[in-house]
Amino acid sequence: MLKNDFWQAHAERDLNPRQAKVLNRLLEGRCEGKLTSTKWAKLTNASQDTAYRDIADLLAKGILRKGAAGGRSTAYDLVFDFPTDRAPRLE
């Protein structure tokens, strides 16, 4: 149900098919290791520049956040920012 809650919280966000694909993989736990722009590019068969633009857009929308490491080791995490009266259900 976490996936459903996530998409309900972001229903009004304008996402491209690459973004939706990678976000679904993350929500389903089908993305091994940390999410990097290189992994994004491989998962979506996109260029590194396109991967970076997709990620930058999700950062701006508050859907992803940068991990602690920077530079070439920059990894990204999903932001689970749900209303306080409705916590996500884990199933």
C-alpha atoms as a PDB file:
ATOM      1  CA  MET A   1       0.000   0.000   0.000  1.00  0.00           C
ATOM      2  CA  LEU A   2       3.024   2.287   0.321  1.00  0.00           C
ATOM      3  CA  LYS A   3       3.173   2.552  -3.460  1.00  0.00           C
ATOM      4  CA  ASN A   4      -0.505   3.509  -3.633  1.00  0.00           C
ATOM      5  CA  ASP A   5      -0.110   6.117  -0.884  1.00  0.00           C
ATOM      6  CA  PHE A   6       2.950   7.564  -2.610  1.00  0.00           C
ATOM      7  CA  TRP A   7       1.159   7.955  -5.937  1.00  0.00           C
ATOM      8  CA  GLN A   8      -1.917   9.461  -4.265  1.00  0.00           C
ATOM      9  CA  ALA A   9       0.304  12.029  -2.560  1.00  0.00           C
ATOM     10  CA  HIS A  10       1.922  12.908  -5.899  1.00  0.00           C
ATOM     11  CA  ALA A  11      -1.087  12.498  -8.181  1.00  0.00           C
ATOM     12  CA  GLU A  12      -1.001  16.092  -9.385  1.00  0.00           C
ATOM     13  CA  ARG A  13       2.707  16.040 -10.240  1.00  0.00           C
ATOM     14  CA  ASP A  14       3.576  16.096 -13.911  1.00  0.00           C
ATOM     15  CA  LEU A  15       6.046  13.227 -14.386  1.00  0.00           C
ATOM     16  CA  ASN A  16       7.453  11.822 -17.595  1.00  0.00           C
ATOM     17  CA  PRO A  17       7.365   8.059 -18.323  1.00  0.00           C
ATOM     18  CA  ARG A  18      11.046   7.610 -17.362  1.00  0.00           C
ATOM     19  CA  GLN A  19      10.445   9.190 -13.985  1.00  0.00           C
ATOM     20  CA  ALA A  20       7.358   7.074 -13.328  1.00  0.00           C
ATOM     21  CA  LYS A  21       9.242   3.919 -14.344  1.00  0.00           C
ATOM     22  CA  VAL A  22      12.152   4.488 -11.978  1.00  0.00           C
ATOM     23  CA  LEU A  23       9.932   5.639  -9.110  1.00  0.00           C
ATOM     24  CA  ASN A  24       7.819   2.489  -9.466  1.00  0.00           C
ATOM     25  CA  ARG A  25      10.974   0.341  -9.399  1.00  0.00           C
ATOM     26  CA  LEU A  26      12.102   2.087  -6.216  1.00  0.00           C
ATOM     27  CA  LEU A  27       8.696   1.685  -4.581  1.00  0.00           C
ATOM     28  CA  GLU A  28       8.577  -2.001  -5.501  1.00  0.00           C
ATOM     29  CA  GLY A  29      12.087  -2.593  -4.159  1.00  0.00           C
ATOM     30  CA  ARG A  30      13.365  -3.670  -7.577  1.00  0.00           C
ATOM     31  CA  CYS A  31      16.315  -1.283  -7.643  1.00  0.00           C
ATOM     32  CA  GLU A  32      19.410  -2.828  -6.098  1.00  0.00           C
ATOM     33  CA  GLY A  33      21.848  -0.512  -4.393  1.00  0.00           C
ATOM     34  CA  LYS A  34      21.694   3.232  -4.361  1.00  0.00           C
ATOM     35  CA  LEU A  35      20.026   5.288  -7.075  1.00  0.00           C
ATOM     36  CA  THR A  36      22.576   7.327  -9.014  1.00  0.00           C
ATOM     37  CA  SER A  37      22.299   9.250 -12.261  1.00  0.00           C
ATOM     38  CA  THR A  38      24.311   6.492 -13.984  1.00  0.00           C
ATOM     39  CA  LYS A  39      21.876   3.823 -12.763  1.00  0.00           C
ATOM     40  CA  TRP A  40      18.967   6.046 -13.843  1.00  0.00           C
ATOM     41  CA  ALA A  41      20.435   6.336 -17.343  1.00  0.00           C
ATOM     42  CA  LYS A  42      20.842   2.553 -17.599  1.00  0.00           C
ATOM     43  CA  LEU A  43      17.343   1.783 -16.294  1.00  0.00           C
ATOM     44  CA  THR A  44      15.697   4.170 -18.746  1.00  0.00           C
ATOM     45  CA  ASN A  45      18.047   3.790 -21.730  1.00  0.00           C
ATOM     46  CA  ALA A  46      18.584   7.547 -21.608  1.00  0.00           C
ATOM     47  CA  SER A  47      21.688   9.682 -21.813  1.00  0.00           C
ATOM     48  CA  GLN A  48      23.489  10.809 -18.679  1.00  0.00           C
ATOM     49  CA  ASP A  49      22.303  14.379 -19.354  1.00  0.00           C
ATOM     50  CA  THR A  50      18.666  13.267 -19.604  1.00  0.00           C
ATOM     51  CA  ALA A  51      19.024  11.232 -16.412  1.00  0.00           C
ATOM     52  CA  TYR A  52      20.405  14.273 -14.619  1.00  0.00           C
ATOM     53  CA  ARG A  53      17.544  16.485 -15.876  1.00  0.00           C
ATOM     54  CA  ASP A  54      14.954  13.905 -14.758  1.00  0.00           C
ATOM     55  CA  ILE A  55      16.555  13.697 -11.317  1.00  0.00           C
ATOM     56  CA  ALA A  56      16.909  17.484 -11.001  1.00  0.00           C
ATOM     57  CA  ASP A  57      13.193  17.840 -11.788  1.00  0.00           C
ATOM     58  CA  LEU A  58      12.292  15.315  -9.057  1.00  0.00           C
ATOM     59  CA  LEU A  59      14.594  17.091  -6.595  1.00  0.00           C
ATOM     60  CA  ALA A  60      12.832  20.385  -7.362  1.00  0.00           C
ATOM     61  CA  LYS A  61       9.434  18.726  -6.858  1.00  0.00           C
ATOM     62  CA  GLY A  62      10.526  17.291  -3.501  1.00  0.00           C
ATOM     63  CA  ILE A  63      10.110  13.677  -4.620  1.00  0.00           C
ATOM     64  CA  LEU A  64      13.811  12.814  -4.375  1.00  0.00           C
ATOM     65  CA  ARG A  65      16.537  14.116  -2.086  1.00  0.00           C
ATOM     66  CA  LYS A  66      20.304  13.916  -2.338  1.00  0.00           C
ATOM     67  CA  GLY A  67      22.078  11.483  -0.077  1.00  0.00           C
ATOM     68  CA  ALA A  68      24.955  12.508   2.189  1.00  0.00           C
ATOM     69  CA  ALA A  69      27.770  11.709  -0.255  1.00  0.00           C
ATOM     70  CA  GLY A  70      28.389  14.164  -3.053  1.00  0.00           C
ATOM     71  CA  GLY A  71      30.294  14.411  -6.304  1.00  0.00           C
ATOM     72  CA  ARG A  72      30.512  11.236  -8.332  1.00  0.00           C
ATOM     73  CA  SER A  73      29.088   9.286  -5.389  1.00  0.00           C
ATOM     74  CA  THR A  74      25.856  11.272  -5.237  1.00  0.00           C
ATOM     75  CA  ALA A  75      22.915   8.971  -4.592  1.00  0.00           C
ATOM     76  CA  TYR A  76      19.256   9.851  -4.292  1.00  0.00           C
ATOM     77  CA  ASP A  77      16.471   8.693  -1.968  1.00  0.00           C
ATOM     78  CA  LEU A  78      12.698   8.863  -2.196  1.00  0.00           C
ATOM     79  CA  VAL A  79      11.015  11.413   0.043  1.00  0.00           C
ATOM     80  CA  PHE A  80       8.008  10.039   1.880  1.00  0.00           C
ATOM     81  CA  ASP A  81       6.293  13.268   2.866  1.00  0.00           C
ATOM     82  CA  PHE A  82       2.730  12.302   3.739  1.00  0.00           C
ATOM     83  CA  PRO A  83       0.208  14.301   5.757  1.00  0.00           C
ATOM     84  CA  THR A  84       0.585  13.655   9.494  1.00  0.00           C
ATOM     85  CA  ASP A  85      -2.984  12.392   9.802  1.00  0.00           C
ATOM     86  CA  ARG A  86      -2.314   9.675   7.240  1.00  0.00           C
ATOM     87  CA  ALA A  87       0.859   7.658   7.646  1.00  0.00           C
ATOM     88  CA  PRO A  88       1.831   5.305   4.811  1.00  0.00           C
ATOM     89  CA  ARG A  89       0.872   1.670   5.271  1.00  0.00           C
ATOM     90  CA  LEU A  90       3.578  -0.934   4.901  1.00  0.00           C
ATOM     91  CA  GLU A  91       2.390  -4.223   3.453  1.00  0.00           C
END
